Amino acid sequence: MEEIQRLEDIDILNRTEFIGKIISTVEYHSKNSLKTSFSIQGEWGCGKSWILDRVFEQLYDIQDEKIAGGRYCVFRYNAWKYDYYDEPLISLLISLKEQFEASESVFFKSQKAQENYKVVKKLIKESLLDCIEAIQKSPLINVIDSSLFHISGLICSAATVKRKIEQYKETIKDEIRKYDPHYDLNTLMNSIIEGLNKIADNKTIVVLVDELDRCLPKHAIKVLERMHHISQNVNNIQFIYGIDKTQIENNVAHIFMSENNNEKIKQDRIKKYLSKFISFGLQVPKAEYSNEIEKKYPSLFSSFDNINTCTFDIIEKIRIIAAVVTPRVLEQVIQKIILANGILCQNNEKQDFSVLVYELFYAIAQESNFDFANSHLNNDYHQQILELRNHNNMDPIRDIFNTLIASNPVMYGHIQRFQTDYPLWINHDSRMKAIFESSMLFYFERTKGNETFYFEDKGIQKEMEENTAYLKQFISYYVSLDM
């Protein structure tokens, strides 16, 4: 039976090689019985969570004929999702409990994968979750074995005996707490370590810790410290943290450093402190978008076709435009564009692909706070080039637009004029069409209310005016969205 690819699995960023590097790192440590803690490092929105999702699934797919259910037992822990729990050990257990009760969320690609997961689920439940019985009542109280207590001469019903024993155990624990305020926490930690060591006898444990840099500084550091205590006392375990390194370093500085510290000393202390928890980091590579983007966002392309500009590589144009934002920002932009076009194209009439390119350019410029009001097209007489200019010579949005129109031919002294000195058309499929670069210039000028640029062919001019009218509706709707 042919497997159906999930949209969330589609790799539009060419991250397969990087994911393979992570898997190889885990495999090396597992086969050599080495425990480790390392990080997947990248800025907010670069796709760390997506990468950890794929690592999670691929580790469960790695099988070993000697080990039922595969070599790995993988946990996901979203530190930010549970940060309202003051104690990370509690949230870790609750996260695991929810993870293994919602089993359909990890049923992957085949019946075999489901069977392997069931084996792992049973092992974890018996080794870890069942041994912490009290979590259903009070996560920081572990049940003391009744065999430790002897109540002689107690003659009463079985129910009364049980009640008296429980009362007696609580009295003993209350006495202990007077001398050890961390008694409950220590008990919980020991229970977790004991359960994890049972699992580690059979499999390599991999804990994927995500969204750590979104937590408040104090909680983020507390999570690191708790995971460190576990890693030091459990064999055959690996921690992988998805982090924005700069943010984590800022958290450490916020809690432990004085503003008066020398910057070099501060950075050295931060590095030494974090090295206790994270041995090394793998940097998420810069986004390079693939043709898979068309598969992942079919709704983005559904309202467009090649109509009145010549054929061009739309994916190449998307790559150029998307280069200045993170994958998460691009995702948000695309969803807003899909919504706007869905509202405006309810008659199912298709627009030219050049309109989509301009929408993407405009939307990303908006998200990047580009100053449209003080930007203009400028014809450099001496260099014979037409380009977008503004007050900021280092503006990446300006550079993107200039890349989009780079091949537009410009004659001395002219932004536009006649077919003889400025070839606005090429013959394509026996139709006269405006070239892509010219359409970008036209849209930019017209959406700003300028009428400098025009086409000599009245038919093309009319079609491009209609495109511009649509773009003005799009811009009006897009700027009203707040997502």
Protein backbone atom coordinates (compact mmCIF):
# COMPACT_ATOMS: atom_id res chain seq x y z
CA MET A 1 0.00 0.00 0.00
CA GLU A 2 1.42 3.37 -1.02
CA GLU A 3 2.14 5.69 1.88
CA ILE A 4 0.64 9.18 1.82
CA GLN A 5 3.13 11.92 2.66
CA ARG A 6 1.96 14.26 5.41
CA LEU A 7 2.27 17.98 4.64
CA GLU A 8 4.23 18.53 7.86
CA ASP A 9 6.81 15.96 6.69
CA ILE A 10 7.65 17.79 3.47
CA ASP A 11 11.19 19.15 3.63
CA ILE A 12 11.12 22.54 1.91
CA LEU A 13 14.42 23.62 3.48
CA ASN A 14 16.73 20.83 2.30
CA ARG A 15 17.36 19.73 5.90
CA THR A 16 17.70 15.99 5.18
CA GLU A 17 21.49 16.06 5.38
CA PHE A 18 21.46 17.98 8.67
CA ILE A 19 18.95 15.57 10.21
CA GLY A 20 21.20 12.71 9.11
CA LYS A 21 24.09 14.38 10.95
CA ILE A 22 22.02 14.47 14.17
CA ILE A 23 21.02 10.83 13.78
CA SER A 24 24.66 9.84 13.18
CA THR A 25 25.70 11.71 16.34
CA VAL A 26 23.09 9.84 18.39
CA GLU A 27 24.08 6.52 16.80
CA TYR A 28 27.76 7.05 17.58
CA HIS A 29 27.11 7.70 21.25
CA SER A 30 24.62 4.84 21.50
CA LYS A 31 26.88 2.22 19.92
CA ASN A 32 29.78 3.28 22.12
CA SER A 33 27.63 3.36 25.29
CA LEU A 34 28.32 7.08 25.82
CA LYS A 35 25.87 9.45 27.44
CA THR A 36 25.81 13.00 26.13
CA SER A 37 23.90 16.27 26.03
CA PHE A 38 24.09 18.44 22.92
CA SER A 39 22.09 21.19 21.27
CA ILE A 40 20.49 21.99 17.94
CA GLN A 41 21.20 25.72 17.67
CA GLY A 42 19.43 28.34 15.60
CA GLU A 43 17.53 31.61 15.84
CA TRP A 44 13.86 31.76 16.72
CA GLY A 45 11.72 30.46 13.88
CA CYS A 46 14.50 28.70 11.94
CA GLY A 47 12.77 25.30 12.11
CA LYS A 48 14.33 23.62 15.15
CA SER A 49 11.04 22.04 16.26
CA TRP A 50 10.43 20.61 12.78
CA ILE A 51 13.92 19.10 12.83
CA LEU A 52 13.36 17.56 16.28
CA ASP A 53 10.07 16.08 15.06
CA ARG A 54 11.87 14.32 12.21
CA VAL A 55 14.65 13.13 14.55
CA PHE A 56 11.98 11.76 16.90
CA GLU A 57 10.36 9.73 14.14
CA GLN A 58 13.56 8.50 12.51
CA LEU A 59 15.03 7.25 15.79
CA TYR A 60 11.92 5.12 16.32
CA ASP A 61 12.40 3.74 12.81
CA ILE A 62 15.92 2.49 13.58
CA GLN A 63 15.48 -1.19 14.36
CA ASP A 64 17.72 -3.79 15.94
CA GLU A 65 16.90 -7.48 15.65
CA LYS A 66 18.16 -8.06 19.20
CA ILE A 67 16.03 -5.30 20.76
CA ALA A 68 12.23 -5.44 20.70
CA GLY A 69 10.79 -2.18 19.39
CA GLY A 70 14.14 -0.84 18.19
CA ARG A 71 17.26 0.52 19.84
CA TYR A 72 15.86 3.83 21.04
CA CYS A 73 13.32 5.08 23.54
CA VAL A 74 12.60 8.69 22.63
CA PHE A 75 10.83 11.28 24.80
CA ARG A 76 9.62 14.72 23.72
CA TYR A 77 9.56 17.47 26.34
CA ASN A 78 8.24 20.92 25.47
CA ALA A 79 9.62 23.02 28.33
CA TRP A 80 7.55 26.10 27.45
CA LYS A 81 4.24 24.20 27.17
CA TYR A 82 4.50 23.13 30.82
CA ASP A 83 6.29 26.13 32.30
CA TYR A 84 3.33 26.94 34.55
CA TYR A 85 4.51 24.02 36.70
CA ASP A 86 7.11 25.45 39.01
CA GLU A 87 8.92 22.11 39.23
CA PRO A 88 10.23 20.74 35.87
CA LEU A 89 10.29 17.15 37.20
CA ILE A 90 6.52 17.25 37.59
CA SER A 91 5.98 18.69 34.12
CA LEU A 92 8.38 16.12 32.65
CA LEU A 93 6.33 13.26 34.07
CA ILE A 94 3.03 14.80 33.03
CA SER A 95 4.45 15.35 29.56
CA LEU A 96 5.51 11.70 29.33
CA LYS A 97 2.16 10.49 30.62
CA GLU A 98 0.27 12.57 28.03
CA GLN A 99 2.71 11.52 25.31
CA PHE A 100 2.12 7.83 25.85
CA GLU A 101 -1.61 8.07 26.37
CA ALA A 102 -2.01 9.98 23.08
CA SER A 103 -0.51 7.07 21.18
CA GLU A 104 -2.12 7.99 17.85
CA SER A 105 0.18 11.02 17.68
CA VAL A 106 3.21 8.81 17.08
CA PHE A 107 1.70 6.21 14.75
CA PHE A 108 3.90 6.80 11.79
CA LYS A 109 4.26 5.29 8.38
CA SER A 110 3.42 1.61 8.69
CA GLN A 111 1.81 -1.11 10.77
CA LYS A 112 5.31 -2.29 11.73
CA ALA A 113 6.12 1.15 13.17
CA GLN A 114 2.96 1.04 15.25
CA GLU A 115 3.85 -2.40 16.61
CA ASN A 116 7.37 -1.23 17.50
CA TYR A 117 5.96 1.78 19.31
CA LYS A 118 3.58 -0.38 21.35
CA VAL A 119 6.55 -2.39 22.61
CA VAL A 120 8.29 0.82 23.68
CA LYS A 121 5.13 2.19 25.27
CA LYS A 122 4.69 -0.95 27.39
CA LEU A 123 8.33 -0.81 28.55
CA ILE A 124 8.05 2.84 29.57
CA LYS A 125 4.76 2.38 31.37
CA GLU A 126 6.02 -0.59 33.38
CA SER A 127 9.45 0.88 34.11
CA LEU A 128 8.70 4.54 34.73
CA LEU A 129 5.08 5.64 34.91
CA ASP A 130 3.75 2.74 36.99
CA CYS A 131 6.54 3.10 39.54
CA ILE A 132 5.40 6.65 40.31
CA GLU A 133 1.94 5.79 41.57
CA ALA A 134 1.37 8.93 43.56
CA ILE A 135 1.53 11.24 40.55
CA GLN A 136 -2.23 10.79 40.16
CA LYS A 137 -2.77 12.31 43.61
CA SER A 138 0.23 14.48 44.46
CA PRO A 139 3.23 14.34 42.08
CA LEU A 140 5.72 15.16 44.84
CA ILE A 141 4.73 12.32 47.19
CA ASN A 142 5.99 8.81 46.58
CA VAL A 143 4.29 5.91 48.34
CA ILE A 144 6.49 4.38 51.03
CA ASP A 145 6.39 0.62 50.99
CA SER A 146 4.10 -0.63 53.76
CA SER A 147 6.55 -3.41 54.63
CA LEU A 148 8.72 -0.78 56.33
CA PHE A 149 6.10 -0.34 59.02
CA HIS A 150 4.95 -2.70 61.72
CA ILE A 151 1.88 -1.90 63.76
CA SER A 152 1.54 -4.61 66.41
CA GLY A 153 -1.62 -5.49 68.30
CA LEU A 154 -3.85 -3.81 65.72
CA ILE A 155 -7.09 -5.77 65.65
CA CYS A 156 -9.62 -4.27 63.31
CA SER A 157 -11.09 -4.62 59.86
CA ALA A 158 -8.89 -4.70 56.75
CA ALA A 159 -10.13 -1.25 55.67
CA THR A 160 -9.29 0.21 59.06
CA VAL A 161 -5.82 -1.37 58.98
CA LYS A 162 -5.14 0.14 55.59
CA ARG A 163 -6.35 3.57 56.75
CA LYS A 164 -4.24 3.44 59.92
CA ILE A 165 -1.16 2.42 57.95
CA GLU A 166 -1.62 5.31 55.51
CA GLN A 167 -2.07 7.75 58.39
CA TYR A 168 1.05 6.39 60.09
CA LYS A 169 3.10 6.72 56.87
CA GLU A 170 1.97 10.32 56.43
CA THR A 171 2.98 11.07 60.04
CA ILE A 172 6.45 9.63 59.38
CA LYS A 173 6.82 11.63 56.17
CA ASP A 174 5.73 14.82 57.93
CA GLU A 175 8.47 14.26 60.52
CA ILE A 176 11.04 13.75 57.74
CA ARG A 177 9.95 16.95 56.00
CA LYS A 178 10.69 18.96 59.14
CA TYR A 179 14.36 18.08 58.75
CA ASP A 180 14.49 17.82 54.93
CA PRO A 181 12.30 20.39 53.11
CA HIS A 182 13.30 18.78 49.79
CA TYR A 183 12.25 15.30 50.82
CA ASP A 184 9.38 15.04 48.31
CA LEU A 185 11.52 16.39 45.48
CA ASN A 186 14.37 13.99 46.26
CA THR A 187 11.94 11.09 46.39
CA LEU A 188 10.48 12.02 43.02
CA MET A 189 13.93 12.47 41.47
CA ASN A 190 15.05 9.05 42.76
CA SER A 191 11.91 7.43 41.37
CA ILE A 192 12.47 8.96 37.93
CA ILE A 193 16.14 7.93 37.90
CA GLU A 194 15.25 4.39 38.98
CA GLY A 195 12.61 4.08 36.25
CA LEU A 196 14.85 5.52 33.53
CA ASN A 197 17.70 3.17 34.48
CA LYS A 198 15.34 0.21 34.02
CA ILE A 199 14.58 1.43 30.50
CA ALA A 200 18.26 2.17 29.82
CA ASP A 201 19.08 -1.49 30.49
CA ASN A 202 17.24 -2.30 27.25
CA LYS A 203 17.41 0.81 25.10
CA THR A 204 19.23 4.07 24.58
CA ILE A 205 17.07 6.86 26.00
CA VAL A 206 16.92 10.07 23.97
CA VAL A 207 15.19 13.11 25.49
CA LEU A 208 14.38 15.90 23.03
CA VAL A 209 13.94 19.17 24.94
CA ASP A 210 12.26 21.87 22.86
CA GLU A 211 11.17 25.52 23.31
CA LEU A 212 13.59 26.07 26.19
CA ASP A 213 14.48 29.56 24.99
CA ARG A 214 10.81 30.64 25.17
CA CYS A 215 10.64 30.02 28.92
CA LEU A 216 11.26 32.70 31.52
CA PRO A 217 14.99 32.79 32.38
CA LYS A 218 14.62 31.26 35.86
CA HIS A 219 12.51 28.36 34.62
CA ALA A 220 14.78 27.68 31.63
CA ILE A 221 17.81 27.37 33.93
CA LYS A 222 15.85 25.16 36.32
CA VAL A 223 14.98 22.80 33.45
CA LEU A 224 18.65 22.56 32.46
CA GLU A 225 19.65 21.80 36.04
CA ARG A 226 17.00 19.09 36.52
CA MET A 227 17.88 17.40 33.24
CA HIS A 228 21.54 17.55 34.26
CA HIS A 229 20.80 15.75 37.56
CA ILE A 230 19.00 13.03 35.62
CA SER A 231 21.75 12.67 33.01
CA GLN A 232 24.41 12.28 35.68
CA ASN A 233 22.60 9.36 37.29
CA VAL A 234 21.16 7.47 34.33
CA ASN A 235 23.22 5.28 32.04
CA ASN A 236 22.74 5.15 28.28
CA ILE A 237 20.85 8.47 28.03
CA GLN A 238 21.18 11.40 25.62
CA PHE A 239 19.65 14.88 25.87
CA ILE A 240 19.14 16.97 22.73
CA TYR A 241 18.16 20.61 23.29
CA GLY A 242 16.61 22.79 20.60
CA ILE A 243 17.80 26.28 21.57
CA ASP A 244 18.52 29.80 20.46
CA LYS A 245 22.00 29.95 21.98
CA THR A 246 21.99 33.73 22.32
CA GLN A 247 18.73 33.66 24.26
CA ILE A 248 19.96 30.95 26.64
CA GLU A 249 23.18 32.89 27.23
CA ASN A 250 21.09 35.98 27.99
CA ASN A 251 19.10 33.94 30.52
CA VAL A 252 22.30 32.91 32.31
CA ALA A 253 23.56 36.49 32.32
CA HIS A 254 20.20 37.76 33.62
CA ILE A 255 20.25 35.41 36.61
CA PHE A 256 23.91 35.06 37.51
CA MET A 257 25.81 38.05 36.11
CA SER A 258 26.11 41.64 37.22
CA GLU A 259 25.85 44.45 34.68
CA ASN A 260 29.20 45.64 36.01
CA ASN A 261 30.98 42.45 34.97
CA ASN A 262 33.69 42.81 32.34
CA GLU A 263 32.21 41.59 29.03
CA LYS A 264 35.03 39.12 28.36
CA ILE A 265 34.79 37.70 31.89
CA LYS A 266 31.01 37.51 31.57
CA GLN A 267 31.15 35.56 28.30
CA ASP A 268 33.76 33.20 29.74
CA ARG A 269 31.62 32.49 32.81
CA ILE A 270 28.50 31.96 30.71
CA LYS A 271 30.35 29.50 28.49
CA LYS A 272 31.69 27.56 31.49
CA TYR A 273 28.28 27.44 33.14
CA LEU A 274 26.45 26.14 30.05
CA SER A 275 29.19 23.58 29.36
CA LYS A 276 27.95 21.69 32.44
CA PHE A 277 24.69 21.01 30.66
CA ILE A 278 25.50 21.03 26.94
CA SER A 279 28.67 19.36 25.65
CA PHE A 280 28.50 20.70 22.07
CA GLY A 281 26.10 22.19 19.55
CA LEU A 282 25.08 21.58 15.94
CA GLN A 283 24.17 24.78 14.07
CA VAL A 284 20.99 24.67 11.97
CA PRO A 285 22.07 25.51 8.39
CA LYS A 286 20.75 28.56 6.60
CA ALA A 287 17.40 27.96 4.89
CA GLU A 288 17.63 26.93 1.23
CA TYR A 289 14.17 26.39 -0.17
CA SER A 290 13.50 23.47 -2.48
CA ASN A 291 10.84 22.81 -5.12
CA GLU A 292 8.93 20.93 -2.39
CA ILE A 293 7.45 24.27 -1.34
CA GLU A 294 4.85 23.83 -4.09
CA LYS A 295 3.78 20.49 -2.55
CA LYS A 296 3.62 21.84 0.99
CA TYR A 297 1.54 24.92 0.14
CA PRO A 298 -0.72 23.92 -2.79
CA SER A 299 -3.28 26.55 -1.73
CA LEU A 300 -0.66 29.26 -2.24
CA PHE A 301 -0.40 28.43 -5.95
CA SER A 302 -3.99 27.38 -6.66
CA SER A 303 -5.22 30.86 -7.63
CA PHE A 304 -2.41 31.57 -10.10
CA ASP A 305 -1.13 30.57 -13.54
CA ASN A 306 1.07 31.86 -16.39
CA ILE A 307 -1.27 34.40 -17.99
CA ASN A 308 0.31 37.68 -19.08
CA THR A 309 3.98 37.46 -18.19
CA CYS A 310 6.45 35.22 -19.91
CA THR A 311 7.41 31.91 -18.30
CA PHE A 312 9.74 32.27 -15.34
CA ASP A 313 10.86 30.08 -12.42
CA ILE A 314 8.48 31.06 -9.65
CA ILE A 315 10.22 28.85 -7.07
CA GLU A 316 13.46 30.70 -7.77
CA LYS A 317 11.70 34.01 -7.13
CA ILE A 318 10.25 32.67 -3.85
CA ARG A 319 13.75 31.58 -2.78
CA ILE A 320 15.05 35.09 -3.45
CA ILE A 321 12.26 36.78 -1.49
CA ALA A 322 12.23 34.30 1.43
CA ALA A 323 15.98 34.63 2.04
CA VAL A 324 15.59 37.56 4.45
CA VAL A 325 13.13 35.99 6.91
CA THR A 326 13.08 32.87 9.06
CA PRO A 327 11.01 29.84 7.99
CA ARG A 328 8.50 30.62 10.75
CA VAL A 329 7.93 34.16 9.48
CA LEU A 330 7.60 32.82 5.93
CA GLU A 331 5.03 30.30 7.17
CA GLN A 332 3.00 33.11 8.77
CA VAL A 333 3.27 35.25 5.63
CA ILE A 334 2.12 32.39 3.39
CA GLN A 335 -0.90 31.65 5.59
CA LYS A 336 -1.95 35.31 5.47
CA ILE A 337 -1.49 35.40 1.68
CA ILE A 338 -3.55 32.22 1.26
CA LEU A 339 -6.32 33.74 3.38
CA ALA A 340 -6.28 37.05 1.50
CA ASN A 341 -6.36 35.39 -1.93
CA GLY A 342 -9.06 32.99 -0.75
CA ILE A 343 -11.26 35.94 0.19
CA LEU A 344 -10.52 37.92 -2.97
CA CYS A 345 -10.68 35.02 -5.49
CA GLN A 346 -14.00 33.43 -4.56
CA ASN A 347 -15.04 33.48 -8.25
CA ASN A 348 -12.10 31.09 -8.93
CA GLU A 349 -10.63 33.46 -11.52
CA LYS A 350 -6.88 32.92 -11.73
CA GLN A 351 -4.26 35.66 -11.56
CA ASP A 352 -0.85 35.79 -13.20
CA PHE A 353 2.09 34.26 -11.30
CA SER A 354 3.80 37.64 -11.30
CA VAL A 355 0.99 38.84 -9.00
CA LEU A 356 1.87 36.09 -6.50
CA VAL A 357 5.56 37.06 -6.59
CA TYR A 358 4.67 40.68 -5.90
CA GLU A 359 2.33 39.64 -3.08
CA LEU A 360 5.17 37.71 -1.44
CA PHE A 361 7.54 40.63 -1.90
CA TYR A 362 5.07 43.08 -0.44
CA ALA A 363 4.09 40.83 2.48
CA ILE A 364 7.66 40.12 3.54
CA ALA A 365 8.52 43.80 3.14
CA GLN A 366 5.60 44.59 5.46
CA GLU A 367 6.73 42.02 8.05
CA SER A 368 10.24 43.50 7.83
CA ASN A 369 8.96 47.07 8.35
CA PHE A 370 10.23 48.21 4.96
CA ASP A 371 9.64 51.92 4.28
CA PHE A 372 7.58 52.01 1.06
CA ALA A 373 6.76 55.70 1.41
CA ASN A 374 10.38 56.80 1.07
CA SER A 375 11.40 54.28 -1.61
CA HIS A 376 11.46 55.00 -5.33
CA LEU A 377 12.65 53.66 -8.67
CA ASN A 378 15.77 55.41 -9.87
CA ASN A 379 17.45 55.33 -13.26
CA ASP A 380 21.24 55.68 -13.03
CA TYR A 381 22.15 57.45 -16.29
CA HIS A 382 25.85 56.64 -16.14
CA GLN A 383 25.59 53.00 -15.04
CA GLN A 384 22.50 52.49 -17.21
CA ILE A 385 20.71 50.56 -14.49
CA LEU A 386 17.26 50.86 -13.03
CA GLU A 387 16.99 50.14 -9.30
CA LEU A 388 14.96 50.65 -6.17
CA ARG A 389 16.42 53.31 -3.88
CA ASN A 390 15.69 54.42 -0.32
CA HIS A 391 17.47 56.09 2.58
CA ASN A 392 18.99 52.81 3.80
CA ASN A 393 21.83 51.60 1.59
CA MET A 394 21.96 48.24 3.45
CA ASP A 395 18.26 47.40 3.24
CA PRO A 396 17.80 43.67 2.34
CA ILE A 397 14.26 44.28 1.01
CA ARG A 398 15.62 46.84 -1.43
CA ASP A 399 18.28 44.36 -2.49
CA ILE A 400 15.63 41.67 -3.08
CA PHE A 401 13.60 43.91 -5.38
CA ASN A 402 16.70 44.90 -7.31
CA THR A 403 17.53 41.21 -7.75
CA LEU A 404 14.01 40.56 -9.09
CA ILE A 405 14.36 43.30 -11.72
CA ALA A 406 18.09 42.85 -12.36
CA SER A 407 17.75 41.61 -15.94
CA ASN A 408 15.36 44.39 -16.94
CA PRO A 409 16.95 46.22 -19.89
CA VAL A 410 17.38 49.98 -19.40
CA MET A 411 18.35 52.43 -22.10
CA TYR A 412 20.20 55.64 -21.31
CA GLY A 413 17.85 58.24 -19.88
CA HIS A 414 14.76 56.02 -19.90
CA ILE A 415 12.84 54.05 -17.31
CA GLN A 416 10.34 53.14 -20.02
CA ARG A 417 9.44 54.18 -23.53
CA PHE A 418 9.02 52.30 -26.81
CA GLN A 419 9.43 48.77 -28.05
CA THR A 420 12.34 49.79 -30.26
CA ASP A 421 14.59 51.00 -27.46
CA TYR A 422 13.18 49.03 -24.50
CA PRO A 423 12.03 45.45 -25.31
CA LEU A 424 9.04 44.99 -23.01
CA TRP A 425 7.80 41.90 -24.79
CA ILE A 426 8.97 38.56 -26.08
CA ASN A 427 7.13 36.14 -28.33
CA HIS A 428 5.93 33.24 -26.20
CA ASP A 429 3.38 30.66 -27.35
CA SER A 430 2.49 32.96 -30.24
CA ARG A 431 1.31 35.64 -27.81
CA MET A 432 2.81 38.99 -26.98
CA LYS A 433 3.50 39.07 -23.25
CA ALA A 434 5.13 41.50 -20.84
CA ILE A 435 8.39 40.20 -19.40
CA PHE A 436 8.45 39.42 -15.68
CA GLU A 437 10.86 42.17 -14.67
CA SER A 438 8.71 44.82 -16.34
CA SER A 439 5.63 43.61 -14.47
CA MET A 440 7.46 44.03 -11.14
CA LEU A 441 8.32 47.63 -12.03
CA PHE A 442 4.77 48.32 -13.14
CA TYR A 443 3.21 46.87 -9.96
CA PHE A 444 5.58 48.79 -7.70
CA GLU A 445 4.87 52.10 -9.39
CA ARG A 446 1.11 51.65 -9.70
CA THR A 447 0.51 50.34 -6.14
CA LYS A 448 2.30 53.46 -4.89
CA GLY A 449 0.01 55.64 -7.03
CA ASN A 450 2.66 56.53 -9.61
CA GLU A 451 2.08 56.24 -13.38
CA THR A 452 5.61 56.63 -14.70
CA PHE A 453 5.90 53.14 -16.12
CA TYR A 454 3.59 51.95 -18.91
CA PHE A 455 3.33 49.47 -21.77
CA GLU A 456 2.98 50.58 -25.39
CA ASP A 457 0.74 47.63 -26.22
CA LYS A 458 -2.73 48.67 -25.02
CA GLY A 459 -3.88 45.07 -24.48
CA ILE A 460 -0.94 44.30 -22.20
CA GLN A 461 -1.40 47.67 -20.49
CA LYS A 462 -5.06 46.82 -19.73
CA GLU A 463 -4.21 43.38 -18.33
CA MET A 464 -1.45 44.81 -16.15
CA GLU A 465 -3.80 47.52 -14.88
CA GLU A 466 -6.26 44.77 -13.88
CA ASN A 467 -3.48 42.93 -12.05
CA THR A 468 -2.61 46.14 -10.24
CA ALA A 469 -6.24 46.71 -9.23
CA TYR A 470 -6.26 43.22 -7.72
CA LEU A 471 -2.96 43.86 -5.92
CA LYS A 472 -4.36 47.04 -4.39
CA GLN A 473 -7.25 44.99 -2.95
CA PHE A 474 -4.76 42.41 -1.70
CA ILE A 475 -2.58 45.04 -0.02
CA SER A 476 -5.58 46.66 1.64
CA TYR A 477 -6.74 43.29 3.03
CA TYR A 478 -3.27 42.07 4.01
CA VAL A 479 -2.41 45.11 6.12
CA SER A 480 -5.69 44.66 8.01
CA LEU A 481 -4.71 41.12 9.09
CA ASP A 482 -3.03 40.62 12.42
CA MET A 483 -1.94 36.98 12.90
